[in-house]
Amino acid sequence: MAGKDNAKKIPVNGIKASGKQSETNDSVNPDAQEDQVSQDAAAQKDAADPMQEMADTLEMLKKESAENYDRFLRANAELENYKKRSMREMTEFKKFANEQLVRDMLPVVDDLERAVSHANDDSDSCKQVIDGLHLTLGEIKKVLKRYNVMQINALCEPFDPNFHQAMLQEESDGHPENTVIKEFQKGYLMNDRLLRPAMVVVSKPPADKKKTEDA
């Protein structure tokens, strides 16, 4: 009887143990299944990702390429502007490099012109001296012309503050108002830039004529 009882108990214990293990496995399986699902989804995602990743990379490279090209165009434009500006500055420098020298020569021209004018007024002056002054003055003016230095023609011209400096106003019947009627000192241009203005006397209507017009 004892042997039979023991023989019957063994399977029962085995069944119970097996049932306990089955219960344990059942309690673990949901997580395992969830992990498996996640892994499968990740595997599918990894399988699809390379194409998407390539597309994203290509889009990023296109964007970077466009930005780099835009930077290149800007840098190239700045370089071209710099070249043009440098060329203009160099041209201006060459045109006016001798400006100060010419300025320093102008008083010499003034003195020679005054000497010629006074010598012509003096009948006792030596003709050779006058001829020498004329020759010297002519040579200096040729040098000035070679550097594109030109006298400003002011006499009998309307007063222009851009080229004339009014020293006096003088009544005149023979000229329209604001006309240059005398020159104290000639003005000069160098490459169309003002070196110095002409110092002039400007006409104005006589006082009695002005009173008549006002009346």
N, C-alpha and C. Protein backbone atom coordinates (compact mmCIF):
# COMPACT_ATOMS: atom_id res chain seq x y z
N MET A 1 0.84 -1.20 0.00
CA MET A 1 0.00 0.00 0.00
C MET A 1 0.86 1.23 0.00
N ALA A 2 1.88 1.18 0.85
CA ALA A 2 2.79 2.35 0.89
C ALA A 2 3.45 2.57 -0.42
N GLY A 3 3.85 1.47 -1.10
CA GLY A 3 4.52 1.60 -2.41
C GLY A 3 3.58 2.17 -3.43
N LYS A 4 2.33 1.71 -3.40
CA LYS A 4 1.37 2.23 -4.36
C LYS A 4 1.14 3.70 -4.15
N ASP A 5 1.04 4.04 -2.85
CA ASP A 5 0.81 5.48 -2.58
C ASP A 5 1.96 6.33 -3.09
N ASN A 6 3.17 5.82 -2.83
CA ASN A 6 4.33 6.58 -3.33
C ASN A 6 4.34 6.66 -4.83
N ALA A 7 3.97 5.55 -5.47
CA ALA A 7 3.98 5.53 -6.95
C ALA A 7 2.97 6.53 -7.49
N LYS A 8 1.88 6.69 -6.81
CA LYS A 8 0.87 7.63 -7.29
C LYS A 8 1.27 9.06 -7.02
N LYS A 9 1.97 9.27 -5.94
CA LYS A 9 2.34 10.65 -5.58
C LYS A 9 3.36 11.23 -6.53
N ILE A 10 4.25 10.43 -7.04
CA ILE A 10 5.34 10.95 -7.89
C ILE A 10 4.80 11.67 -9.12
N PRO A 11 3.86 11.00 -9.84
CA PRO A 11 3.33 11.70 -11.02
C PRO A 11 2.62 12.98 -10.62
N VAL A 12 1.95 12.93 -9.49
CA VAL A 12 1.22 14.11 -9.07
C VAL A 12 2.17 15.26 -8.83
N ASN A 13 3.29 14.96 -8.13
CA ASN A 13 4.30 16.01 -7.91
C ASN A 13 4.86 16.50 -9.23
N GLY A 14 5.08 15.53 -10.11
CA GLY A 14 5.62 15.92 -11.44
C GLY A 14 4.64 16.79 -12.18
N ILE A 15 3.37 16.45 -12.05
CA ILE A 15 2.36 17.25 -12.76
C ILE A 15 2.27 18.63 -12.16
N LYS A 16 2.31 18.66 -10.83
CA LYS A 16 2.25 19.97 -10.17
C LYS A 16 3.44 20.83 -10.53
N ALA A 17 4.63 20.21 -10.53
CA ALA A 17 5.84 20.97 -10.89
C ALA A 17 5.75 21.47 -12.30
N SER A 18 5.26 20.57 -13.16
CA SER A 18 5.14 20.97 -14.56
C SER A 18 4.14 22.09 -14.71
N GLY A 19 3.07 21.99 -13.95
CA GLY A 19 2.09 23.08 -14.00
C GLY A 19 2.64 24.39 -13.50
N LYS A 20 3.48 24.33 -12.44
CA LYS A 20 4.10 25.55 -11.91
C LYS A 20 5.02 26.17 -12.92
N GLN A 21 5.79 25.31 -13.59
CA GLN A 21 6.73 25.80 -14.61
C GLN A 21 5.95 26.41 -15.76
N SER A 22 4.83 25.76 -16.10
CA SER A 22 4.01 26.28 -17.19
C SER A 22 3.45 27.64 -16.84
N GLU A 23 3.04 27.74 -15.54
CA GLU A 23 2.54 29.04 -15.11
C GLU A 23 3.62 30.10 -15.19
N THR A 24 4.86 29.73 -14.79
CA THR A 24 5.98 30.68 -14.86
C THR A 24 6.25 31.11 -16.29
N ASN A 25 6.22 30.10 -17.19
CA ASN A 25 6.47 30.41 -18.60
C ASN A 25 5.38 31.33 -19.15
N ASP A 26 4.12 31.02 -18.68
CA ASP A 26 3.02 31.87 -19.15
C ASP A 26 3.16 33.30 -18.68
N SER A 27 3.71 33.45 -17.45
CA SER A 27 3.88 34.82 -16.94
C SER A 27 4.99 35.56 -17.65
N VAL A 28 5.95 34.87 -18.24
CA VAL A 28 7.08 35.51 -18.94
C VAL A 28 6.75 35.77 -20.39
N ASN A 29 5.98 34.95 -20.97
CA ASN A 29 5.73 34.99 -22.42
C ASN A 29 5.23 36.34 -22.95
N PRO A 30 4.33 37.03 -22.28
CA PRO A 30 3.86 38.31 -22.85
C PRO A 30 4.99 39.29 -23.12
N ASP A 31 5.92 39.41 -22.18
CA ASP A 31 7.06 40.33 -22.40
C ASP A 31 7.93 39.84 -23.54
N ALA A 32 8.14 38.53 -23.55
CA ALA A 32 8.98 37.97 -24.62
C ALA A 32 8.35 38.22 -25.98
N GLN A 33 7.02 38.03 -26.00
CA GLN A 33 6.33 38.25 -27.28
C GLN A 33 6.41 39.73 -27.67
N GLU A 34 6.27 40.60 -26.69
CA GLU A 34 6.34 42.05 -26.98
C GLU A 34 7.71 42.44 -27.48
N ASP A 35 8.76 41.83 -26.84
CA ASP A 35 10.13 42.11 -27.30
C ASP A 35 10.33 41.62 -28.72
N GLN A 36 9.74 40.46 -28.98
CA GLN A 36 9.89 39.89 -30.32
C GLN A 36 9.22 40.80 -31.37
N VAL A 37 8.04 41.30 -31.00
CA VAL A 37 7.32 42.21 -31.91
C VAL A 37 8.15 43.46 -32.17
N SER A 38 8.73 44.00 -31.07
CA SER A 38 9.56 45.19 -31.21
C SER A 38 10.75 44.92 -32.10
N GLN A 39 11.38 43.77 -31.89
CA GLN A 39 12.54 43.42 -32.72
C GLN A 39 12.16 43.27 -34.18
N ASP A 40 10.99 42.63 -34.39
CA ASP A 40 10.53 42.47 -35.78
C ASP A 40 10.26 43.83 -36.42
N ALA A 41 9.62 44.72 -35.65
CA ALA A 41 9.33 46.07 -36.18
C ALA A 41 10.61 46.81 -36.47
N ALA A 42 11.59 46.67 -35.52
CA ALA A 42 12.87 47.33 -35.72
C ALA A 42 13.58 46.79 -36.94
N ALA A 43 13.46 45.46 -37.13
CA ALA A 43 14.10 44.85 -38.30
C ALA A 43 13.48 45.37 -39.58
N GLN A 44 12.12 45.50 -39.58
CA GLN A 44 11.46 46.02 -40.76
C GLN A 44 11.85 47.48 -41.01
N LYS A 45 11.94 48.23 -39.90
CA LYS A 45 12.32 49.64 -40.02
C LYS A 45 13.72 49.77 -40.56
N ASP A 46 14.62 48.91 -40.03
CA ASP A 46 16.00 48.93 -40.52
C ASP A 46 16.07 48.58 -41.99
N ALA A 47 15.18 47.69 -42.41
CA ALA A 47 15.17 47.29 -43.82
C ALA A 47 14.70 48.45 -44.70
N ALA A 48 13.75 49.26 -44.17
CA ALA A 48 13.23 50.38 -44.96
C ALA A 48 14.10 51.63 -44.83
N ASP A 49 14.82 51.76 -43.71
CA ASP A 49 15.58 52.98 -43.42
C ASP A 49 16.66 53.32 -44.43
N PRO A 50 17.43 52.40 -44.97
CA PRO A 50 18.52 52.78 -45.89
C PRO A 50 18.07 53.67 -47.04
N MET A 51 16.93 53.39 -47.66
CA MET A 51 16.43 54.23 -48.75
C MET A 51 16.04 55.61 -48.25
N GLN A 52 15.35 55.63 -47.09
CA GLN A 52 14.95 56.92 -46.53
C GLN A 52 16.17 57.73 -46.10
N GLU A 53 17.12 56.99 -45.52
CA GLU A 53 18.35 57.66 -45.09
C GLU A 53 19.10 58.25 -46.28
N MET A 54 19.15 57.50 -47.38
CA MET A 54 19.80 58.01 -48.60
C MET A 54 19.07 59.24 -49.13
N ALA A 55 17.73 59.19 -49.09
CA ALA A 55 16.95 60.33 -49.56
C ALA A 55 17.19 61.55 -48.68
N ASP A 56 17.21 61.34 -47.36
CA ASP A 56 17.48 62.45 -46.44
C ASP A 56 18.88 63.02 -46.64
N THR A 57 19.84 62.11 -46.82
CA THR A 57 21.23 62.55 -47.04
C THR A 57 21.34 63.35 -48.34
N LEU A 58 20.66 62.86 -49.38
CA LEU A 58 20.69 63.56 -50.67
C LEU A 58 20.07 64.95 -50.55
N GLU A 59 18.96 65.05 -49.82
CA GLU A 59 18.31 66.34 -49.63
C GLU A 59 19.22 67.30 -48.86
N MET A 60 19.89 66.76 -47.84
CA MET A 60 20.80 67.58 -47.04
C MET A 60 21.96 68.07 -47.89
N LEU A 61 22.49 67.19 -48.74
CA LEU A 61 23.61 67.57 -49.61
C LEU A 61 23.19 68.61 -50.63
N LYS A 62 21.96 68.48 -51.13
CA LYS A 62 21.46 69.48 -52.08
C LYS A 62 21.37 70.85 -51.40
N LYS A 63 20.87 70.84 -50.18
CA LYS A 63 20.74 72.10 -49.44
C LYS A 63 22.11 72.72 -49.18
N GLU A 64 23.05 71.89 -48.74
CA GLU A 64 24.40 72.39 -48.50
C GLU A 64 25.03 72.91 -49.78
N SER A 65 24.79 72.18 -50.89
CA SER A 65 25.34 72.61 -52.18
C SER A 65 24.78 73.96 -52.58
N ALA A 66 23.46 74.16 -52.39
CA ALA A 66 22.84 75.45 -52.74
C ALA A 66 23.41 76.57 -51.87
N GLU A 67 23.59 76.30 -50.58
CA GLU A 67 24.15 77.32 -49.68
C GLU A 67 25.58 77.66 -50.06
N ASN A 68 26.37 76.63 -50.38
CA ASN A 68 27.76 76.86 -50.79
C ASN A 68 27.83 77.65 -52.09
N TYR A 69 26.94 77.34 -53.03
CA TYR A 69 26.93 78.06 -54.31
C TYR A 69 26.53 79.51 -54.10
N ASP A 70 25.57 79.73 -53.21
CA ASP A 70 25.16 81.10 -52.90
C ASP A 70 26.31 81.88 -52.28
N ARG A 71 27.04 81.24 -51.35
CA ARG A 71 28.21 81.89 -50.74
C ARG A 71 29.27 82.19 -51.79
N PHE A 72 29.45 81.25 -52.72
CA PHE A 72 30.43 81.45 -53.80
C PHE A 72 30.06 82.65 -54.66
N LEU A 73 28.76 82.76 -55.02
CA LEU A 73 28.32 83.89 -55.85
C LEU A 73 28.53 85.21 -55.12
N ARG A 74 28.22 85.22 -53.83
CA ARG A 74 28.42 86.45 -53.05
C ARG A 74 29.89 86.83 -52.98
N ALA A 75 30.73 85.84 -52.70
CA ALA A 75 32.17 86.11 -52.60
C ALA A 75 32.72 86.57 -53.95
N ASN A 76 32.25 85.95 -55.02
CA ASN A 76 32.71 86.34 -56.36
C ASN A 76 32.28 87.76 -56.70
N ALA A 77 31.04 88.12 -56.32
CA ALA A 77 30.55 89.47 -56.57
C ALA A 77 31.36 90.49 -55.78
N GLU A 78 31.67 90.17 -54.53
CA GLU A 78 32.48 91.07 -53.71
C GLU A 78 33.88 91.24 -54.30
N LEU A 79 34.43 90.15 -54.81
CA LEU A 79 35.75 90.22 -55.42
C LEU A 79 35.73 91.09 -56.67
N GLU A 80 34.70 90.94 -57.50
CA GLU A 80 34.59 91.75 -58.71
C GLU A 80 34.43 93.23 -58.36
N ASN A 81 33.62 93.51 -57.34
CA ASN A 81 33.45 94.91 -56.90
C ASN A 81 34.77 95.48 -56.39
N TYR A 82 35.51 94.65 -55.67
CA TYR A 82 36.81 95.10 -55.16
C TYR A 82 37.77 95.41 -56.31
N LYS A 83 37.77 94.54 -57.33
CA LYS A 83 38.64 94.77 -58.49
C LYS A 83 38.28 96.06 -59.20
N LYS A 84 36.97 96.27 -59.41
CA LYS A 84 36.53 97.48 -60.10
C LYS A 84 36.87 98.73 -59.29
N ARG A 85 36.66 98.65 -57.97
CA ARG A 85 36.95 99.78 -57.12
C ARG A 85 38.45 100.09 -57.12
N SER A 86 39.27 99.03 -57.09
CA SER A 86 40.72 99.22 -57.11
C SER A 86 41.18 99.84 -58.43
N MET A 87 40.56 99.39 -59.54
CA MET A 87 40.92 99.95 -60.84
C MET A 87 40.54 101.43 -60.93
N ARG A 88 39.34 101.77 -60.41
CA ARG A 88 38.93 103.18 -60.40
C ARG A 88 39.89 104.02 -59.57
N GLU A 89 40.24 103.50 -58.39
CA GLU A 89 41.14 104.25 -57.52
C GLU A 89 42.52 104.42 -58.16
N MET A 90 42.99 103.36 -58.84
CA MET A 90 44.29 103.45 -59.51
C MET A 90 44.24 104.45 -60.65
N THR A 91 43.14 104.44 -61.40
CA THR A 91 42.98 105.39 -62.50
C THR A 91 42.96 106.82 -61.97
N GLU A 92 42.20 107.03 -60.89
CA GLU A 92 42.14 108.36 -60.29
C GLU A 92 43.51 108.79 -59.79
N PHE A 93 44.22 107.85 -59.19
CA PHE A 93 45.55 108.18 -58.67
C PHE A 93 46.49 108.61 -59.79
N LYS A 94 46.44 107.86 -60.91
CA LYS A 94 47.31 108.20 -62.04
C LYS A 94 46.95 109.56 -62.64
N LYS A 95 45.63 109.84 -62.68
CA LYS A 95 45.20 111.10 -63.29
C LYS A 95 45.62 112.30 -62.45
N PHE A 96 45.62 112.13 -61.13
CA PHE A 96 45.86 113.28 -60.26
C PHE A 96 47.12 113.14 -59.40
N ALA A 97 48.01 112.25 -59.81
CA ALA A 97 49.24 112.05 -59.04
C ALA A 97 50.09 113.32 -59.02
N ASN A 98 50.03 114.13 -60.08
CA ASN A 98 50.85 115.34 -60.17
C ASN A 98 50.07 116.60 -59.78
N GLU A 99 48.95 116.41 -59.13
CA GLU A 99 48.10 117.56 -58.81
C GLU A 99 48.83 118.59 -57.96
N GLN A 100 49.53 118.15 -56.92
CA GLN A 100 50.21 119.10 -56.05
C GLN A 100 51.32 119.83 -56.79
N LEU A 101 52.04 119.13 -57.66
CA LEU A 101 53.07 119.78 -58.46
C LEU A 101 52.49 120.87 -59.33
N VAL A 102 51.37 120.57 -59.96
CA VAL A 102 50.72 121.56 -60.81
C VAL A 102 50.25 122.75 -59.97
N ARG A 103 49.68 122.47 -58.81
CA ARG A 103 49.26 123.57 -57.93
C ARG A 103 50.43 124.49 -57.60
N ASP A 104 51.58 123.88 -57.34
CA ASP A 104 52.75 124.68 -56.99
C ASP A 104 53.27 125.49 -58.17
N MET A 105 52.98 125.04 -59.39
CA MET A 105 53.45 125.77 -60.57
C MET A 105 52.55 126.94 -60.95
N LEU A 106 51.30 126.89 -60.53
CA LEU A 106 50.36 127.93 -60.94
C LEU A 106 50.77 129.33 -60.51
N PRO A 107 51.29 129.54 -59.29
CA PRO A 107 51.75 130.90 -58.95
C PRO A 107 52.86 131.39 -59.87
N VAL A 108 53.70 130.49 -60.35
CA VAL A 108 54.76 130.89 -61.30
C VAL A 108 54.12 131.39 -62.59
N VAL A 109 53.10 130.68 -63.05
CA VAL A 109 52.38 131.12 -64.24
C VAL A 109 51.76 132.49 -64.01
N ASP A 110 51.16 132.67 -62.82
CA ASP A 110 50.56 133.97 -62.50
C ASP A 110 51.60 135.09 -62.59
N ASP A 111 52.77 134.86 -62.00
CA ASP A 111 53.82 135.88 -62.00
C ASP A 111 54.28 136.21 -63.42
N LEU A 112 54.44 135.17 -64.23
CA LEU A 112 54.87 135.40 -65.61
C LEU A 112 53.81 136.16 -66.40
N GLU A 113 52.55 135.83 -66.19
CA GLU A 113 51.48 136.55 -66.89
C GLU A 113 51.44 138.01 -66.47
N ARG A 114 51.63 138.27 -65.18
CA ARG A 114 51.65 139.66 -64.73
C ARG A 114 52.86 140.40 -65.30
N ALA A 115 54.02 139.73 -65.33
CA ALA A 115 55.22 140.36 -65.88
C ALA A 115 55.03 140.69 -67.35
N VAL A 116 54.44 139.78 -68.11
CA VAL A 116 54.19 140.03 -69.53
C VAL A 116 53.23 141.20 -69.70
N SER A 117 52.17 141.21 -68.87
CA SER A 117 51.18 142.28 -68.97
C SER A 117 51.81 143.64 -68.68
N HIS A 118 52.63 143.73 -67.63
CA HIS A 118 53.26 145.00 -67.27
C HIS A 118 54.31 145.41 -68.31
N ALA A 119 55.01 144.41 -68.83
CA ALA A 119 56.03 144.74 -69.83
C ALA A 119 55.39 145.27 -71.10
N ASN A 120 54.24 144.76 -71.46
CA ASN A 120 53.55 145.24 -72.65
C ASN A 120 53.05 146.66 -72.45
N ASP A 121 52.73 147.02 -71.22
CA ASP A 121 52.25 148.38 -70.93
C ASP A 121 53.38 149.38 -70.91
N ASP A 122 54.60 148.92 -70.71
CA ASP A 122 55.76 149.81 -70.59
C ASP A 122 56.48 149.86 -71.95
N SER A 123 56.40 151.00 -72.59
CA SER A 123 56.98 151.12 -73.92
C SER A 123 58.50 151.06 -73.90
N ASP A 124 59.10 151.34 -72.76
CA ASP A 124 60.56 151.34 -72.66
C ASP A 124 61.14 149.96 -72.34
N SER A 125 60.29 148.96 -72.13
CA SER A 125 60.77 147.64 -71.77
C SER A 125 61.55 147.04 -72.93
N CYS A 126 62.48 146.24 -72.57
CA CYS A 126 63.32 145.58 -73.58
C CYS A 126 62.50 144.52 -74.32
N LYS A 127 62.48 144.58 -75.64
CA LYS A 127 61.70 143.63 -76.43
C LYS A 127 62.19 142.21 -76.22
N GLN A 128 63.49 141.99 -76.04
CA GLN A 128 64.01 140.64 -75.84
C GLN A 128 63.48 140.02 -74.54
N VAL A 129 63.39 140.87 -73.50
CA VAL A 129 62.86 140.37 -72.23
C VAL A 129 61.41 139.96 -72.38
N ILE A 130 60.65 140.80 -73.08
CA ILE A 130 59.23 140.48 -73.28
C ILE A 130 59.09 139.18 -74.07
N ASP A 131 59.88 139.05 -75.13
CA ASP A 131 59.83 137.83 -75.93
C ASP A 131 60.22 136.61 -75.10
N GLY A 132 61.23 136.78 -74.23
CA GLY A 132 61.64 135.67 -73.36
C GLY A 132 60.56 135.27 -72.39
N LEU A 133 59.87 136.26 -71.84
CA LEU A 133 58.77 135.95 -70.92
C LEU A 133 57.64 135.21 -71.64
N HIS A 134 57.32 135.69 -72.84
CA HIS A 134 56.28 135.03 -73.62
C HIS A 134 56.66 133.57 -73.90
N LEU A 135 57.91 133.37 -74.27
CA LEU A 135 58.38 132.02 -74.60
C LEU A 135 58.30 131.10 -73.38
N THR A 136 58.79 131.61 -72.23
CA THR A 136 58.76 130.81 -71.00
C THR A 136 57.33 130.47 -70.59
N LEU A 137 56.47 131.48 -70.66
CA LEU A 137 55.07 131.26 -70.30
C LEU A 137 54.42 130.24 -71.23
N GLY A 138 54.73 130.33 -72.51
CA GLY A 138 54.17 129.39 -73.48
C GLY A 138 54.61 127.96 -73.21
N GLU A 139 55.88 127.78 -72.85
CA GLU A 139 56.39 126.44 -72.57
C GLU A 139 55.74 125.85 -71.32
N ILE A 140 55.57 126.68 -70.30
CA ILE A 140 54.93 126.19 -69.08
C ILE A 140 53.48 125.79 -69.36
N LYS A 141 52.80 126.58 -70.17
CA LYS A 141 51.41 126.24 -70.49
C LYS A 141 51.33 124.94 -71.30
N LYS A 142 52.34 124.69 -72.13
CA LYS A 142 52.37 123.42 -72.86
C LYS A 142 52.50 122.24 -71.90
N VAL A 143 53.36 122.42 -70.88
CA VAL A 143 53.52 121.35 -69.88
C VAL A 143 52.20 121.11 -69.14
N LEU A 144 51.55 122.20 -68.77
CA LEU A 144 50.27 122.07 -68.07
C LEU A 144 49.24 121.35 -68.94
N LYS A 145 49.23 121.71 -70.22
CA LYS A 145 48.27 121.08 -71.13
C LYS A 145 48.55 119.59 -71.27
N ARG A 146 49.82 119.20 -71.23
CA ARG A 146 50.18 117.80 -71.33
C ARG A 146 49.61 117.00 -70.15
N TYR A 147 49.44 117.67 -69.03
CA TYR A 147 48.84 117.02 -67.85
C TYR A 147 47.34 117.33 -67.74
N ASN A 148 46.75 117.71 -68.86
CA ASN A 148 45.30 117.99 -68.93
C ASN A 148 44.88 119.09 -67.97
N VAL A 149 45.74 120.11 -67.85
CA VAL A 149 45.41 121.28 -67.04
C VAL A 149 44.96 122.39 -67.99
N MET A 150 43.75 122.88 -67.75
CA MET A 150 43.17 123.90 -68.63
C MET A 150 42.74 125.11 -67.83
N GLN A 151 42.91 126.29 -68.43
CA GLN A 151 42.42 127.50 -67.80
C GLN A 151 40.90 127.57 -67.90
N ILE A 152 40.29 128.16 -66.88
CA ILE A 152 38.85 128.40 -66.90
C ILE A 152 38.60 129.75 -67.57
N ASN A 153 37.81 129.74 -68.63
CA ASN A 153 37.45 130.99 -69.31
C ASN A 153 36.31 131.64 -68.53
N ALA A 154 36.63 132.67 -67.78
CA ALA A 154 35.64 133.27 -66.91
C ALA A 154 35.12 134.61 -67.42
N LEU A 155 35.94 135.39 -68.11
CA LEU A 155 35.55 136.74 -68.53
C LEU A 155 34.31 136.71 -69.42
N CYS A 156 33.37 137.61 -69.08
CA CYS A 156 32.12 137.77 -69.84
C CYS A 156 31.21 136.55 -69.75
N GLU A 157 31.52 135.64 -68.86
CA GLU A 157 30.67 134.47 -68.66
C GLU A 157 29.76 134.71 -67.44
N PRO A 158 28.56 134.08 -67.42
CA PRO A 158 27.72 134.19 -66.22
C PRO A 158 28.47 133.62 -65.01
N PHE A 159 28.27 134.27 -63.88
CA PHE A 159 28.95 133.82 -62.66
C PHE A 159 28.48 132.42 -62.31
N ASP A 160 29.46 131.52 -62.07
CA ASP A 160 29.18 130.13 -61.71
C ASP A 160 29.96 129.81 -60.44
N PRO A 161 29.26 129.63 -59.32
CA PRO A 161 29.97 129.38 -58.05
C PRO A 161 30.78 128.09 -58.04
N ASN A 162 30.50 127.20 -59.01
CA ASN A 162 31.29 125.96 -59.09
C ASN A 162 32.71 126.21 -59.59
N PHE A 163 32.89 127.30 -60.35
CA PHE A 163 34.20 127.57 -60.96
C PHE A 163 34.74 128.97 -60.65
N HIS A 164 33.90 129.84 -60.13
CA HIS A 164 34.29 131.23 -59.88
C HIS A 164 34.17 131.56 -58.39
N GLN A 165 35.09 132.39 -57.94
CA GLN A 165 35.03 132.90 -56.58
C GLN A 165 34.90 134.42 -56.66
N ALA A 166 33.73 134.93 -56.27
CA ALA A 166 33.46 136.37 -56.38
C ALA A 166 34.21 137.13 -55.29
N MET A 167 35.06 138.05 -55.72
CA MET A 167 35.80 138.88 -54.77
C MET A 167 35.10 140.23 -54.55
N LEU A 168 34.48 140.75 -55.62
CA LEU A 168 33.80 142.04 -55.57
C LEU A 168 32.60 142.02 -56.48
N GLN A 169 31.69 142.95 -56.24
CA GLN A 169 30.62 143.27 -57.19
C GLN A 169 30.83 144.70 -57.66
N GLU A 170 30.61 144.89 -58.93
CA GLU A 170 30.86 146.20 -59.52
C GLU A 170 29.70 146.57 -60.44
N GLU A 171 29.25 147.83 -60.32
CA GLU A 171 28.16 148.29 -61.17
C GLU A 171 28.60 148.33 -62.62
N SER A 172 27.71 147.88 -63.49
CA SER A 172 28.04 147.87 -64.91
C SER A 172 26.78 148.01 -65.74
N ASP A 173 26.85 148.93 -66.70
CA ASP A 173 25.75 149.11 -67.65
C ASP A 173 25.90 148.20 -68.86
N GLY A 174 27.13 147.81 -69.14
CA GLY A 174 27.41 147.09 -70.36
C GLY A 174 27.32 145.58 -70.25
N HIS A 175 26.98 145.07 -69.07
CA HIS A 175 26.92 143.62 -68.88
C HIS A 175 25.64 143.24 -68.14
N PRO A 176 25.08 142.07 -68.42
CA PRO A 176 23.95 141.60 -67.62
C PRO A 176 24.37 141.39 -66.17
N GLU A 177 23.41 141.40 -65.30
CA GLU A 177 23.70 141.20 -63.88
C GLU A 177 24.33 139.81 -63.67
N ASN A 178 25.25 139.76 -62.70
CA ASN A 178 25.94 138.51 -62.34
C ASN A 178 26.78 137.96 -63.50
N THR A 179 27.45 138.88 -64.20
CA THR A 179 28.40 138.49 -65.25
C THR A 179 29.81 138.79 -64.76
N VAL A 180 30.76 137.91 -65.07
CA VAL A 180 32.15 138.13 -64.70
C VAL A 180 32.72 139.22 -65.62
N ILE A 181 33.17 140.33 -65.02
CA ILE A 181 33.69 141.44 -65.83
C ILE A 181 35.20 141.66 -65.64
N LYS A 182 35.76 141.06 -64.59
CA LYS A 182 37.22 141.16 -64.37
C LYS A 182 37.72 139.88 -63.70
N GLU A 183 39.01 139.61 -63.91
CA GLU A 183 39.66 138.47 -63.26
C GLU A 183 40.83 138.96 -62.43
N PHE A 184 40.86 138.62 -61.16
CA PHE A 184 42.04 138.86 -60.34
C PHE A 184 43.05 137.73 -60.50
N GLN A 185 42.53 136.53 -60.61
CA GLN A 185 43.39 135.36 -60.75
C GLN A 185 42.64 134.30 -61.56
N LYS A 186 43.35 133.70 -62.51
CA LYS A 186 42.72 132.70 -63.37
C LYS A 186 42.46 131.40 -62.60
N GLY A 187 41.40 130.74 -63.01
CA GLY A 187 41.09 129.43 -62.44
C GLY A 187 41.58 128.31 -63.35
N TYR A 188 41.75 127.12 -62.78
CA TYR A 188 42.28 125.99 -63.56
C TYR A 188 41.52 124.71 -63.24
N LEU A 189 41.41 123.87 -64.29
CA LEU A 189 40.86 122.52 -64.15
C LEU A 189 41.95 121.51 -64.48
N MET A 190 41.93 120.37 -63.81
CA MET A 190 42.84 119.27 -64.14
C MET A 190 42.00 118.01 -64.32
N ASN A 191 41.99 117.49 -65.55
CA ASN A 191 41.13 116.35 -65.87
C ASN A 191 39.69 116.62 -65.45
N ASP A 192 39.25 117.85 -65.74
CA ASP A 192 37.88 118.30 -65.44
C ASP A 192 37.59 118.42 -63.94
N ARG A 193 38.61 118.30 -63.13
CA ARG A 193 38.44 118.54 -61.69
C ARG A 193 38.99 119.93 -61.38
N LEU A 194 38.27 120.64 -60.52
CA LEU A 194 38.68 122.00 -60.19
C LEU A 194 39.96 121.99 -59.36
N LEU A 195 41.00 122.66 -59.91
CA LEU A 195 42.23 122.85 -59.14
C LEU A 195 42.11 124.07 -58.24
N ARG A 196 41.64 125.15 -58.84
CA ARG A 196 41.36 126.36 -58.06
C ARG A 196 40.36 127.19 -58.84
N PRO A 197 39.46 127.89 -58.15
CA PRO A 197 38.48 128.71 -58.85
C PRO A 197 39.11 130.02 -59.34
N ALA A 198 38.47 130.61 -60.32
CA ALA A 198 38.90 131.93 -60.79
C ALA A 198 38.39 132.98 -59.81
N MET A 199 39.30 133.89 -59.41
CA MET A 199 38.90 135.00 -58.53
C MET A 199 38.44 136.15 -59.42
N VAL A 200 37.18 136.53 -59.27
CA VAL A 200 36.57 137.43 -60.26
C VAL A 200 35.80 138.57 -59.62
N VAL A 201 35.50 139.56 -60.49
CA VAL A 201 34.59 140.66 -60.14
C VAL A 201 33.30 140.42 -60.92
N VAL A 202 32.17 140.56 -60.22
CA VAL A 202 30.86 140.25 -60.82
C VAL A 202 30.06 141.54 -60.97
N SER A 203 29.36 141.63 -62.09
CA SER A 203 28.59 142.85 -62.38
C SER A 203 27.29 142.90 -61.58
N LYS A 204 26.85 144.13 -61.36
CA LYS A 204 25.52 144.35 -60.79
C LYS A 204 24.93 145.61 -61.44
N PRO A 205 23.62 145.76 -61.44
CA PRO A 205 23.02 146.94 -62.09
C PRO A 205 23.42 148.22 -61.37
N PRO A 206 23.56 149.33 -62.11
CA PRO A 206 23.84 150.62 -61.45
C PRO A 206 22.72 150.99 -60.48
N ALA A 207 23.08 151.73 -59.45
CA ALA A 207 22.11 152.07 -58.40
C ALA A 207 20.94 152.86 -58.95
N ASP A 208 21.19 153.84 -59.85
CA ASP A 208 20.10 154.66 -60.37
C ASP A 208 19.14 153.83 -61.24
N LYS A 209 19.70 152.86 -61.98
CA LYS A 209 18.86 151.99 -62.81
C LYS A 209 17.99 151.10 -61.94
N LYS A 210 18.55 150.65 -60.83
CA LYS A 210 17.80 149.79 -59.92
C LYS A 210 16.65 150.56 -59.28
N LYS A 211 16.92 151.84 -58.93
CA LYS A 211 15.86 152.67 -58.33
C LYS A 211 14.73 152.90 -59.33
N THR A 212 15.11 153.09 -60.61
CA THR A 212 14.10 153.30 -61.66
C THR A 212 13.23 152.07 -61.82
N GLU A 213 13.86 150.89 -61.80
CA GLU A 213 13.12 149.64 -61.94
C GLU A 213 12.19 149.42 -60.75
N ASP A 214 12.67 149.77 -59.53
CA ASP A 214 11.86 149.60 -58.34
C ASP A 214 10.65 150.53 -58.34
N ALA A 215 10.87 151.74 -58.89
CA ALA A 215 9.78 152.71 -58.94
C ALA A 215 8.73 152.27 -59.96
